[in-house]
Amino acid sequence: MEYNLADLFESVVDVVPDREALVYLDHPGTGAERRLTYAELDAAANRIGHHLLDSGVRPGEHLGLHLYNGVEYLQTVLACLKARIVPVNVNYRYVEDELAYLYRDADLVALVFDAEFEGRVAGALPRAPKLRHLLRVGAPGADAAPSPSVASGAVPSAEAVAGAVPFAEAEAAGAPGRGFPARSGDDLFIIYTGGTTGMPKGVMWRQEDLFFAGLGGGAPTGEPVKAPEELARRVAAGGAGITFFPTPPLMHGTSTLTAFIGFHFGQRVVLHRKFVPEEVLRTVERERVTSMSLVGDAMLRPLIDALAGPLKGTDCSALFSVSSSGAIMSETVRRQFRELLPNAVLLNNFGSSESGFNGTATEDAGPERGFRIRVNARTAVVDPATHEPVAPGEVGRIAQCGHVPLGYYNDPGATAGTFFEKDGQRWVLLGDMATVDADGVVTVLGRGSQCINTGGEKVYPEEVEQALKAHPDVYDALVAGVPDSRWGNHVAAVVQLCPGAPRPSLADIQSHCRTRLAGYKVPRQLVITDVIQRSPSGKADYRWAREVAVAAEQP
């Protein structure tokens, strides 16, 4: 056996077949609930895997997952891995033009989609000539009409998806046994990442590399396994009792990887279709959730509001850890959460689609000291031009070596600019700027692509956002650079206030920030908005923030 994700999953199934593996709750109390043991999930994935192969999808070809969270998502990922078909995540917020680009760029030949996205899928299909096999989850209906963004002249038609096979029929017809060809640790897993600018890019991972870099080698907080067979032995020697609850969309890599970490421990994974704070807390109580993952303040704040308000008294005593990746949980929000649930550990994790897990924030991280992380041995801060380590205190880019991706699918230019060889090792150069101190602690400054040059000084939005969120009346905030005739760009703060909070003046905000930031980092513009726009997983939408701030400057 190799470090292949399907092989590893099957090895766990074989030692704990009757243990509950996956619980899906559309919303607690509605009756929309599914529970599968490891053996049942294995058989369900086998059925879809055989259906795909029987339908002409060949090993090595690419299948897109255009789905909300659900059993079908993880079932299909496992089916692809078993059949050596490459799974590709699809952002369900995309409209036709974006979908058509991704379908083509990823060379999708098959697609599994939720019925409510049927209109958008139909609009994109005429521009994706390789896409030949469709599986539809659910009955057609909610989104039969395409969104008004088709710019290519293609005529979207519901008839284009009329040949889609109902997922339930495909599952019923597929063989429940395994019987798949031998697999390899070299089999691919592609994670499309939208980032904050430009078109999405597909990060190509060897499964062995992803197992160690993104899944902790079978022990994210301990010693990685030294052989593939050791994973099942660890599971057999342990017991049940841990429940993982990835609350962001599975279409973002971090949630899918969290689910696989749960599977590799032989434990239970709980899913909701969408993030609804009150329902999340009811599930934490009902299912005795022990480990929950989310993305930053955008998801933690609504949970705090619910715990302090309508769901006050909810039993969250089983909750041991709450982790965030993809966005930072601010110190203010973490403090509020600790007051409500003092026994739960809050973890600000740092990683990316290109690197997997890099490290966890230190306890002294905060608006005054920045987002400080103790990184793993494979992570360094380097000069982006020479790839040499920077001196303590100097600004460089975070890089990682060892188990890193092969590159970006269909994009040799971006691959050459991000991946490099040094001293016989392959490295990935991340977009995050950082400094490192003499003790090896890294302070993450922010994405270089979002850096604001104001009067020759560099300002990283995340640092200013942390200071803004420490203001008692600020619920959420994004920071962007706005063209300025004097400074080149000035720092603009787009702010959502706490319910009922008085409207602060720019001077109020500046006075607050000056206690935490150098003068050139203090916002010169304040825009109050009803809601901060973020992705479904809570990631910042800096393009939107910049547009809002620029529009507010217009006479």
Protein backbone atom coordinates (compact mmCIF):
# COMPACT_ATOMS: atom_id res chain seq x y z
CA MET A 1 0.00 0.00 0.00
CA GLU A 2 1.18 3.53 -0.82
CA TYR A 3 0.25 6.90 0.65
CA ASN A 4 -2.85 7.04 -1.50
CA LEU A 5 -5.94 8.65 0.06
CA ALA A 6 -8.34 5.95 -1.17
CA ASP A 7 -6.08 3.15 0.07
CA LEU A 8 -5.71 4.87 3.44
CA PHE A 9 -9.45 5.41 3.78
CA GLU A 10 -10.18 1.77 2.93
CA SER A 11 -7.62 0.62 5.48
CA VAL A 12 -9.54 2.56 8.15
CA VAL A 13 -12.87 1.13 6.95
CA ASP A 14 -11.53 -2.38 7.33
CA VAL A 15 -10.71 -1.95 11.02
CA VAL A 16 -13.77 0.10 12.13
CA PRO A 17 -16.49 -0.79 9.56
CA ASP A 18 -19.42 -0.35 11.98
CA ARG A 19 -18.27 2.95 13.48
CA GLU A 20 -20.27 6.04 12.47
CA ALA A 21 -18.30 7.98 9.87
CA LEU A 22 -20.53 10.73 8.50
CA VAL A 23 -23.58 12.61 9.75
CA TYR A 24 -25.38 15.02 7.45
CA LEU A 25 -27.96 17.42 8.84
CA ASP A 26 -29.69 19.77 6.41
CA HIS A 27 -31.00 21.57 9.48
CA PRO A 28 -31.59 19.83 12.82
CA GLY A 29 -35.24 19.13 13.50
CA THR A 30 -36.32 19.11 9.85
CA GLY A 31 -35.88 15.38 9.43
CA ALA A 32 -33.34 15.86 6.62
CA GLU A 33 -30.68 13.65 8.18
CA ARG A 34 -28.35 10.89 6.98
CA ARG A 35 -25.96 8.76 9.04
CA LEU A 36 -23.43 6.43 7.47
CA THR A 37 -21.01 4.02 9.05
CA TYR A 38 -17.55 3.60 7.56
CA ALA A 39 -18.68 0.47 5.73
CA GLU A 40 -21.78 2.25 4.36
CA LEU A 41 -19.81 5.28 3.20
CA ASP A 42 -17.25 2.99 1.59
CA ALA A 43 -19.93 1.09 -0.34
CA ALA A 44 -21.69 4.31 -1.36
CA ALA A 45 -18.42 5.68 -2.75
CA ASN A 46 -17.72 2.39 -4.53
CA ARG A 47 -21.08 2.61 -6.29
CA ILE A 48 -20.37 6.09 -7.68
CA GLY A 49 -16.82 5.13 -8.60
CA HIS A 50 -18.01 2.14 -10.62
CA HIS A 51 -20.75 4.23 -12.23
CA LEU A 52 -18.18 6.76 -13.41
CA LEU A 53 -15.89 4.10 -14.86
CA ASP A 54 -18.83 2.28 -16.47
CA SER A 55 -19.91 5.61 -18.02
CA GLY A 56 -16.57 6.05 -19.75
CA VAL A 57 -14.79 8.40 -17.37
CA ARG A 58 -11.20 7.18 -17.40
CA PRO A 59 -8.55 7.16 -14.67
CA GLY A 60 -6.60 10.40 -14.78
CA GLU A 61 -9.50 12.43 -16.18
CA HIS A 62 -11.02 15.28 -14.19
CA LEU A 63 -14.42 15.53 -12.49
CA GLY A 64 -15.86 18.74 -11.06
CA LEU A 65 -17.85 18.98 -7.82
CA HIS A 66 -20.36 21.83 -8.11
CA LEU A 67 -22.16 21.15 -4.85
CA TYR A 68 -23.22 22.47 -1.49
CA ASN A 69 -22.09 20.47 1.52
CA GLY A 70 -23.62 17.04 1.73
CA VAL A 71 -22.99 13.32 1.76
CA GLU A 72 -22.77 13.37 -2.04
CA TYR A 73 -19.77 15.72 -1.94
CA LEU A 74 -17.50 13.51 0.17
CA GLN A 75 -18.97 10.36 -1.39
CA THR A 76 -17.98 11.63 -4.84
CA VAL A 77 -14.51 12.71 -3.74
CA LEU A 78 -13.93 9.23 -2.34
CA ALA A 79 -15.38 7.66 -5.50
CA CYS A 80 -12.95 9.64 -7.65
CA LEU A 81 -9.99 8.69 -5.49
CA LYS A 82 -10.98 5.02 -5.61
CA ALA A 83 -11.33 5.08 -9.42
CA ARG A 84 -8.19 7.23 -9.91
CA ILE A 85 -10.32 10.04 -11.34
CA VAL A 86 -9.10 13.50 -10.30
CA PRO A 87 -11.61 15.46 -8.16
CA VAL A 88 -11.81 19.24 -8.79
CA ASN A 89 -13.69 21.64 -6.52
CA VAL A 90 -16.00 24.20 -8.14
CA ASN A 91 -17.01 27.43 -6.40
CA TYR A 92 -20.81 27.37 -6.34
CA ARG A 93 -20.97 31.17 -6.30
CA TYR A 94 -19.55 31.38 -9.80
CA VAL A 95 -21.78 32.53 -12.64
CA GLU A 96 -21.72 31.19 -16.21
CA ASP A 97 -18.63 33.00 -17.47
CA GLU A 98 -16.56 31.99 -14.44
CA LEU A 99 -17.85 28.43 -14.57
CA ALA A 100 -17.10 28.14 -18.28
CA TYR A 101 -13.54 29.29 -17.61
CA LEU A 102 -13.03 26.79 -14.78
CA TYR A 103 -14.65 23.89 -16.66
CA ARG A 104 -12.31 24.52 -19.60
CA ASP A 105 -9.19 25.35 -17.60
CA ALA A 106 -9.57 22.20 -15.49
CA ASP A 107 -10.34 20.03 -18.55
CA LEU A 108 -13.41 18.62 -16.83
CA VAL A 109 -14.97 15.62 -18.54
CA ALA A 110 -17.55 14.97 -15.81
CA LEU A 111 -19.50 17.11 -13.39
CA VAL A 112 -21.60 16.41 -10.29
CA PHE A 113 -23.87 19.37 -9.53
CA ASP A 114 -26.73 20.33 -7.26
CA ALA A 115 -30.02 20.67 -9.14
CA GLU A 116 -30.48 24.28 -8.08
CA PHE A 117 -27.37 25.19 -10.11
CA GLU A 118 -28.82 23.66 -13.27
CA GLY A 119 -29.36 27.00 -15.01
CA ARG A 120 -25.81 28.13 -14.50
CA VAL A 121 -24.42 24.75 -15.55
CA ALA A 122 -26.52 24.91 -18.72
CA GLY A 123 -25.18 28.38 -19.46
CA ALA A 124 -21.57 27.26 -19.15
CA LEU A 125 -21.77 23.90 -20.94
CA PRO A 126 -21.70 25.22 -24.54
CA ARG A 127 -18.21 26.58 -23.81
CA ALA A 128 -16.88 23.41 -22.19
CA PRO A 129 -16.62 20.94 -25.10
CA LYS A 130 -14.78 18.23 -23.11
CA LEU A 131 -17.52 17.97 -20.47
CA ARG A 132 -19.46 14.87 -21.49
CA HIS A 133 -20.92 13.23 -18.36
CA LEU A 134 -23.24 14.91 -15.83
CA LEU A 135 -24.65 13.75 -12.50
CA ARG A 136 -27.42 15.80 -10.92
CA VAL A 137 -28.03 15.74 -7.17
CA GLY A 138 -31.66 16.40 -6.26
CA ALA A 139 -34.67 17.28 -8.36
CA PRO A 140 -34.52 20.13 -10.92
CA GLY A 141 -36.06 23.38 -9.84
CA ALA A 142 -34.70 26.27 -7.83
CA ASP A 143 -32.14 27.75 -10.22
CA ALA A 144 -33.49 26.73 -13.61
CA ALA A 145 -32.96 30.24 -15.02
CA PRO A 146 -29.35 31.24 -15.73
CA SER A 147 -27.86 34.31 -14.07
CA PRO A 148 -27.52 37.37 -16.34
CA SER A 149 -23.76 37.23 -16.91
CA VAL A 150 -23.33 35.36 -20.16
CA ALA A 151 -21.08 37.55 -22.27
CA SER A 152 -19.85 35.15 -24.93
CA GLY A 153 -23.02 34.94 -26.97
CA ALA A 154 -23.62 31.29 -26.05
CA VAL A 155 -27.29 30.51 -25.65
CA PRO A 156 -27.88 28.78 -22.32
CA SER A 157 -30.51 26.08 -22.47
CA ALA A 158 -31.96 23.76 -19.88
CA GLU A 159 -31.86 21.12 -22.62
CA ALA A 160 -28.07 21.08 -22.31
CA VAL A 161 -28.35 19.33 -18.96
CA ALA A 162 -31.35 17.19 -19.83
CA GLY A 163 -29.08 14.18 -20.16
CA ALA A 164 -27.76 14.47 -16.62
CA VAL A 165 -28.00 11.20 -14.70
CA PRO A 166 -29.82 11.50 -11.37
CA PHE A 167 -27.25 10.85 -8.64
CA ALA A 168 -29.54 8.45 -6.80
CA GLU A 169 -29.94 6.34 -9.95
CA ALA A 170 -26.19 6.27 -10.53
CA GLU A 171 -25.62 5.16 -6.95
CA ALA A 172 -28.26 2.45 -7.17
CA ALA A 173 -26.81 1.04 -10.39
CA GLY A 174 -23.16 1.04 -9.35
CA ALA A 175 -21.52 -2.05 -7.84
CA PRO A 176 -21.02 -1.76 -4.06
CA GLY A 177 -17.75 -3.72 -3.95
CA ARG A 178 -14.28 -2.34 -4.47
CA GLY A 179 -12.47 -4.06 -7.34
CA PHE A 180 -10.67 -0.93 -8.56
CA PRO A 181 -7.25 -0.89 -10.27
CA ALA A 182 -4.14 -0.48 -8.12
CA ARG A 183 -3.49 3.10 -7.06
CA SER A 184 -0.43 5.23 -6.40
CA GLY A 185 0.79 7.97 -4.12
CA ASP A 186 1.41 9.89 -7.36
CA ASP A 187 -2.33 10.06 -8.13
CA LEU A 188 -3.46 13.67 -8.33
CA PHE A 189 -5.78 15.77 -6.20
CA ILE A 190 -6.50 19.26 -7.59
CA ILE A 191 -7.65 22.17 -5.44
CA TYR A 192 -8.83 25.25 -7.33
CA THR A 193 -8.12 28.44 -5.44
CA GLY A 194 -9.73 31.73 -6.40
CA GLY A 195 -7.41 33.91 -4.33
CA THR A 196 -8.20 37.60 -4.14
CA THR A 197 -7.34 38.64 -7.69
CA GLY A 198 -7.30 37.09 -11.15
CA MET A 199 -8.85 33.87 -12.40
CA PRO A 200 -8.85 30.69 -10.30
CA LYS A 201 -5.86 28.38 -10.48
CA GLY A 202 -5.76 24.62 -9.93
CA VAL A 203 -3.14 23.50 -7.41
CA MET A 204 -1.88 20.02 -8.37
CA TRP A 205 -1.06 17.82 -5.40
CA ARG A 206 0.39 14.33 -5.42
CA GLN A 207 -1.75 12.50 -2.88
CA GLU A 208 1.27 11.45 -0.84
CA ASP A 209 2.38 15.09 -0.55
CA LEU A 210 -1.13 16.21 0.37
CA PHE A 211 -1.35 13.50 3.04
CA PHE A 212 1.70 14.87 4.82
CA ALA A 213 1.39 18.61 4.11
CA GLY A 214 -2.37 19.09 4.34
CA LEU A 215 -3.50 16.17 6.49
CA GLY A 216 -0.68 15.97 8.99
CA GLY A 217 0.48 12.54 7.92
CA GLY A 218 -2.30 10.89 9.87
CA ALA A 219 -1.51 12.84 13.06
CA PRO A 220 -1.89 16.63 12.61
CA THR A 221 -0.85 17.35 16.20
CA GLY A 222 1.52 14.43 16.75
CA GLU A 223 4.06 12.18 15.09
CA PRO A 224 3.20 11.41 11.43
CA VAL A 225 2.90 7.76 10.47
CA LYS A 226 6.08 6.13 9.18
CA ALA A 227 4.30 3.67 6.88
CA PRO A 228 0.84 3.62 5.25
CA GLU A 229 -0.17 0.51 7.21
CA GLU A 230 0.45 2.32 10.49
CA LEU A 231 -2.62 4.53 10.01
CA ALA A 232 -5.10 1.66 10.38
CA ARG A 233 -3.15 0.23 13.31
CA ARG A 234 -3.48 3.54 15.14
CA VAL A 235 -7.20 3.67 14.43
CA ALA A 236 -7.71 0.08 15.60
CA ALA A 237 -5.82 0.78 18.81
CA GLY A 238 -7.85 3.91 19.59
CA GLY A 239 -11.52 4.45 20.25
CA ALA A 240 -14.35 6.62 19.03
CA GLY A 241 -15.38 9.83 20.75
CA ILE A 242 -14.14 12.70 18.56
CA THR A 243 -16.58 14.53 16.30
CA PHE A 244 -15.19 16.86 13.64
CA PHE A 245 -17.47 19.62 12.34
CA PRO A 246 -16.12 21.51 9.29
CA THR A 247 -18.61 24.38 8.98
CA PRO A 248 -17.30 26.19 5.84
CA PRO A 249 -18.19 24.96 2.36
CA LEU A 250 -16.45 21.76 1.27
CA MET A 251 -15.71 23.51 -2.04
CA HIS A 252 -12.89 25.26 -0.16
CA GLY A 253 -10.01 22.88 0.37
CA THR A 254 -9.69 23.38 4.12
CA SER A 255 -13.09 21.84 4.89
CA THR A 256 -12.58 18.79 2.70
CA LEU A 257 -9.16 18.25 4.26
CA THR A 258 -10.66 18.59 7.75
CA ALA A 259 -13.16 15.85 6.89
CA PHE A 260 -10.34 13.58 5.72
CA ILE A 261 -8.40 14.24 8.91
CA GLY A 262 -11.49 12.98 10.75
CA PHE A 263 -11.62 9.89 8.55
CA HIS A 264 -7.92 9.20 9.08
CA PHE A 265 -8.54 9.20 12.82
CA GLY A 266 -11.45 6.79 12.32
CA GLN A 267 -13.74 9.34 13.91
CA ARG A 268 -17.04 10.98 13.04
CA VAL A 269 -17.55 13.93 10.67
CA VAL A 270 -20.66 16.13 10.85
CA LEU A 271 -21.85 18.32 7.97
CA HIS A 272 -24.44 21.04 7.41
CA ARG A 273 -25.58 22.05 3.95
CA LYS A 274 -24.97 25.74 4.71
CA PHE A 275 -23.61 27.78 7.60
CA VAL A 276 -26.50 28.96 9.80
CA PRO A 277 -25.11 30.02 13.21
CA GLU A 278 -28.07 28.96 15.34
CA GLU A 279 -28.24 25.55 13.64
CA VAL A 280 -24.50 25.07 14.02
CA LEU A 281 -24.79 25.54 17.77
CA ARG A 282 -27.77 23.20 18.02
CA THR A 283 -25.70 20.57 16.25
CA VAL A 284 -22.72 21.17 18.54
CA GLU A 285 -25.04 20.41 21.46
CA ARG A 286 -26.95 17.53 19.91
CA GLU A 287 -24.00 15.69 18.34
CA ARG A 288 -21.53 16.47 21.14
CA VAL A 289 -19.12 18.08 18.68
CA THR A 290 -15.55 18.16 19.97
CA SER A 291 -13.65 19.90 17.14
CA MET A 292 -15.11 22.62 14.94
CA SER A 293 -13.42 24.46 12.08
CA LEU A 294 -14.44 27.80 10.59
CA VAL A 295 -12.97 30.82 8.81
CA GLY A 296 -12.18 33.88 10.90
CA ASP A 297 -14.38 36.47 12.56
CA ALA A 298 -16.96 36.32 9.79
CA MET A 299 -18.06 32.92 11.06
CA LEU A 300 -17.09 33.17 14.74
CA ARG A 301 -18.88 36.47 15.43
CA PRO A 302 -22.36 35.19 14.44
CA LEU A 303 -21.81 32.18 16.71
CA ILE A 304 -20.95 34.52 19.58
CA ASP A 305 -24.06 36.61 18.88
CA ALA A 306 -26.23 33.49 18.97
CA LEU A 307 -24.58 32.13 22.14
CA ALA A 308 -25.01 35.44 23.90
CA GLY A 309 -28.56 35.89 22.61
CA PRO A 310 -31.22 33.45 21.38
CA LEU A 311 -29.17 30.30 22.08
CA LYS A 312 -27.81 31.35 25.44
CA GLY A 313 -27.36 28.26 27.59
CA THR A 314 -26.69 25.88 24.68
CA ASP A 315 -24.64 22.96 25.96
CA CYS A 316 -21.28 23.23 24.20
CA SER A 317 -19.37 21.45 26.95
CA ALA A 318 -18.03 18.76 24.60
CA LEU A 319 -16.42 21.38 22.34
CA PHE A 320 -12.69 21.14 22.87
CA SER A 321 -11.22 23.12 19.95
CA VAL A 322 -12.30 25.73 17.43
CA SER A 323 -9.83 26.30 14.61
CA SER A 324 -9.69 28.90 11.86
CA SER A 325 -7.75 28.89 8.63
CA GLY A 326 -8.03 31.20 5.64
CA ALA A 327 -8.76 34.24 7.83
CA ILE A 328 -7.65 35.43 11.25
CA MET A 329 -9.81 35.37 14.36
CA SER A 330 -9.16 38.78 15.92
CA GLU A 331 -8.17 39.12 19.56
CA THR A 332 -11.39 41.00 20.37
CA VAL A 333 -13.58 38.24 18.99
CA ARG A 334 -11.49 35.51 20.58
CA ARG A 335 -11.84 37.22 23.96
CA GLN A 336 -15.63 37.41 23.58
CA PHE A 337 -15.76 33.72 22.70
CA ARG A 338 -13.60 32.73 25.67
CA GLU A 339 -15.97 34.55 28.01
CA LEU A 340 -18.80 32.36 26.75
CA LEU A 341 -16.90 29.07 26.37
CA PRO A 342 -13.73 29.29 28.48
CA ASN A 343 -12.87 25.60 28.09
CA ALA A 344 -12.64 25.60 24.27
CA VAL A 345 -9.23 26.16 22.74
CA LEU A 346 -9.11 28.68 19.88
CA LEU A 347 -6.53 27.98 17.16
CA ASN A 348 -5.56 30.50 14.51
CA ASN A 349 -4.00 28.21 11.91
CA PHE A 350 -1.97 29.39 8.95
CA GLY A 351 -1.83 27.59 5.63
CA SER A 352 -2.90 27.73 2.01
CA SER A 353 -4.01 25.63 -0.93
CA GLU A 354 -0.41 25.73 -2.16
CA SER A 355 1.27 24.71 1.11
CA GLY A 356 -1.15 22.86 3.34
CA PHE A 357 -0.58 23.56 7.04
CA ASN A 358 2.30 25.86 8.06
CA GLY A 359 1.73 26.67 11.72
CA THR A 360 -0.51 28.03 14.48
CA ALA A 361 -0.56 31.54 15.93
CA THR A 362 1.22 32.12 19.21
CA GLU A 363 -0.76 33.27 22.24
CA ASP A 364 0.87 36.71 22.12
CA ALA A 365 -0.47 37.40 18.62
CA GLY A 366 -2.69 40.47 18.41
CA PRO A 367 -3.14 43.92 16.89
CA GLU A 368 -0.07 45.31 18.66
CA ARG A 369 2.32 42.47 17.73
CA GLY A 370 0.77 41.12 14.55
CA PHE A 371 -0.21 37.61 13.51
CA ARG A 372 2.70 35.63 14.95
CA ILE A 373 3.09 31.93 14.20
CA ARG A 374 5.49 29.18 15.14
CA VAL A 375 6.06 27.47 11.82
CA ASN A 376 7.01 23.89 11.04
CA ALA A 377 10.55 22.95 10.06
CA ARG A 378 9.70 23.04 6.34
CA THR A 379 8.69 26.72 6.38
CA ALA A 380 10.98 29.74 5.96
CA VAL A 381 10.84 33.46 5.14
CA VAL A 382 12.91 34.14 2.02
CA ASP A 383 13.87 36.91 -0.36
CA PRO A 384 11.52 36.41 -3.34
CA ALA A 385 14.28 37.26 -5.81
CA THR A 386 17.16 35.17 -4.45
CA HIS A 387 15.15 32.59 -2.45
CA GLU A 388 17.67 33.03 0.37
CA PRO A 389 16.44 33.33 3.99
CA VAL A 390 15.98 36.93 5.11
CA ALA A 391 17.71 38.32 8.21
CA PRO A 392 15.62 38.71 11.38
CA GLY A 393 13.32 41.70 11.04
CA GLU A 394 13.57 41.95 7.24
CA VAL A 395 10.49 41.51 5.08
CA GLY A 396 10.31 38.48 2.81
CA ARG A 397 7.82 35.93 1.54
CA ILE A 398 6.83 32.74 3.25
CA ALA A 399 8.09 29.63 1.48
CA GLN A 400 7.79 25.91 2.14
CA CYS A 401 9.79 22.91 1.00
CA GLY A 402 9.38 19.16 1.04
CA HIS A 403 5.83 17.96 0.46
CA VAL A 404 4.63 20.72 -1.88
CA PRO A 405 2.39 20.68 -4.99
CA LEU A 406 3.64 19.94 -8.49
CA GLY A 407 2.42 23.32 -9.70
CA TYR A 408 -0.67 24.96 -11.19
CA TYR A 409 -2.68 22.96 -13.70
CA ASN A 410 -2.52 24.37 -17.24
CA ASP A 411 -0.48 27.39 -16.09
CA PRO A 412 3.29 26.99 -16.60
CA GLY A 413 3.85 30.74 -16.19
CA ALA A 414 2.28 30.89 -12.72
CA THR A 415 4.01 27.64 -11.83
CA ALA A 416 7.43 29.06 -12.73
CA GLY A 417 6.75 32.16 -10.63
CA THR A 418 5.62 30.24 -7.55
CA PHE A 419 7.59 26.98 -7.41
CA PHE A 420 11.36 26.66 -7.44
CA GLU A 421 14.18 24.18 -6.80
CA LYS A 422 16.88 24.85 -4.22
CA ASP A 423 19.51 22.53 -2.74
CA GLY A 424 17.83 19.55 -4.31
CA GLN A 425 14.43 20.33 -2.80
CA ARG A 426 11.25 21.66 -4.32
CA TRP A 427 9.87 24.84 -2.75
CA VAL A 428 6.65 26.83 -3.05
CA LEU A 429 6.73 30.60 -2.66
CA LEU A 430 3.52 31.82 -1.02
CA GLY A 431 1.95 35.23 -1.55
CA ASP A 432 2.17 36.17 2.12
CA MET A 433 4.77 38.70 3.23
CA ALA A 434 6.33 38.19 6.64
CA THR A 435 9.25 38.82 8.96
CA VAL A 436 11.01 36.34 11.23
CA ASP A 437 12.63 37.04 14.60
CA ALA A 438 15.75 35.55 16.14
CA ASP A 439 13.70 32.79 17.79
CA GLY A 440 12.20 31.69 14.48
CA VAL A 441 8.73 33.11 15.18
CA VAL A 442 7.16 34.43 11.96
CA THR A 443 4.99 37.55 11.86
CA VAL A 444 2.64 37.40 8.89
CA LEU A 445 2.10 40.85 7.39
CA GLY A 446 -0.39 39.96 4.68
CA ARG A 447 -0.75 39.13 1.01
CA GLY A 448 1.77 40.95 -1.12
CA SER A 449 -0.86 41.39 -3.83
CA GLN A 450 -2.99 43.44 -1.43
CA CYS A 451 -0.15 45.55 -0.05
CA ILE A 452 -0.95 49.28 -0.12
CA ASN A 453 1.87 51.64 -1.12
CA THR A 454 1.09 54.97 0.51
CA GLY A 455 3.74 57.67 0.29
CA GLY A 456 6.40 55.02 -0.25
CA GLU A 457 5.42 53.08 2.89
CA LYS A 458 3.94 49.59 2.66
CA VAL A 459 0.73 48.80 4.54
CA TYR A 460 -0.74 45.30 4.77
CA PRO A 461 -4.55 45.31 5.10
CA GLU A 462 -4.75 42.42 7.60
CA GLU A 463 -2.73 44.36 10.18
CA VAL A 464 -5.02 47.39 9.96
CA GLU A 465 -8.12 45.17 10.01
CA GLN A 466 -6.98 43.60 13.28
CA ALA A 467 -6.66 47.06 14.82
CA LEU A 468 -10.08 48.11 13.53
CA LYS A 469 -11.76 44.99 14.92
CA ALA A 470 -10.38 45.80 18.35
CA HIS A 471 -12.72 48.83 18.39
CA PRO A 472 -15.76 47.94 20.51
CA ASP A 473 -18.25 49.25 17.92
CA VAL A 474 -16.71 47.52 14.87
CA TYR A 475 -18.31 44.23 13.89
CA ASP A 476 -16.24 43.54 10.76
CA ALA A 477 -13.82 45.44 8.56
CA LEU A 478 -11.85 45.27 5.32
CA VAL A 479 -9.05 47.60 4.26
CA ALA A 480 -8.10 48.61 0.72
CA GLY A 481 -5.91 51.11 -1.07
CA VAL A 482 -7.61 53.99 -2.91
CA PRO A 483 -5.79 56.16 -5.50
CA ASP A 484 -4.62 59.42 -3.94
CA SER A 485 -3.06 62.40 -5.76
CA ARG A 486 -0.70 63.12 -2.87
CA TRP A 487 0.18 59.72 -1.45
CA GLY A 488 -0.26 57.49 -4.50
CA ASN A 489 -2.77 55.48 -2.49
CA HIS A 490 -4.37 56.04 0.87
CA VAL A 491 -5.61 53.49 3.38
CA ALA A 492 -9.40 53.15 3.34
CA ALA A 493 -11.39 51.30 6.00
CA VAL A 494 -14.70 49.71 5.02
CA VAL A 495 -16.49 48.99 8.29
CA GLN A 496 -19.61 47.14 9.44
CA LEU A 497 -20.77 48.31 12.86
CA CYS A 498 -22.12 46.23 15.70
CA PRO A 499 -25.95 46.30 15.89
CA GLY A 500 -27.09 49.48 17.64
CA ALA A 501 -23.59 50.96 17.82
CA PRO A 502 -23.25 54.73 17.35
CA ARG A 503 -21.77 55.86 14.06
CA PRO A 504 -18.11 56.73 14.66
CA SER A 505 -16.34 59.56 12.89
CA LEU A 506 -13.12 59.11 10.93
CA ALA A 507 -11.36 60.95 13.77
CA ASP A 508 -12.71 58.41 16.29
CA ILE A 509 -11.41 55.51 14.23
CA GLN A 510 -8.05 57.19 13.66
CA SER A 511 -7.63 57.93 17.38
CA HIS A 512 -8.33 54.27 18.17
CA CYS A 513 -5.91 52.97 15.53
CA ARG A 514 -3.05 55.27 16.51
CA THR A 515 -2.71 53.39 19.79
CA ARG A 516 -1.97 50.22 17.80
CA LEU A 517 -0.47 51.27 14.47
CA ALA A 518 2.21 53.55 13.06
CA GLY A 519 0.77 56.80 11.72
CA TYR A 520 1.13 55.92 8.03
CA LYS A 521 -1.00 52.79 8.56
CA VAL A 522 -3.93 54.68 10.09
CA PRO A 523 -6.96 54.87 7.72
CA ARG A 524 -7.46 58.20 5.94
CA GLN A 525 -10.93 57.24 4.76
CA LEU A 526 -13.86 55.58 6.54
CA VAL A 527 -16.79 53.97 4.74
CA ILE A 528 -19.66 52.56 6.83
CA THR A 529 -21.53 49.72 5.15
CA ASP A 530 -24.46 47.57 6.25
CA VAL A 531 -22.67 44.29 5.56
CA ILE A 532 -19.09 43.36 4.71
CA GLN A 533 -19.02 41.16 1.62
CA ARG A 534 -17.08 37.94 1.99
CA SER A 535 -16.98 34.54 0.34
CA PRO A 536 -19.21 31.77 1.77
CA SER A 537 -16.21 30.59 3.79
CA GLY A 538 -15.55 34.02 5.29
CA LYS A 539 -12.57 34.99 3.14
CA ALA A 540 -12.06 38.67 2.37
CA ASP A 541 -13.37 40.14 -0.88
CA TYR A 542 -10.81 42.90 -1.37
CA ARG A 543 -11.96 43.72 -4.87
CA TRP A 544 -15.39 44.58 -3.49
CA ALA A 545 -13.89 46.62 -0.63
CA ARG A 546 -11.78 48.64 -3.05
CA GLU A 547 -14.77 49.32 -5.31
CA VAL A 548 -16.86 50.48 -2.34
CA ALA A 549 -14.11 52.78 -1.08
CA VAL A 550 -13.40 54.25 -4.53
CA ALA A 551 -17.12 54.84 -5.14
CA ALA A 552 -17.40 56.65 -1.80
CA GLU A 553 -14.68 59.06 -2.94
CA GLN A 554 -16.60 60.09 -6.05
CA PRO A 555 -18.34 63.49 -5.85
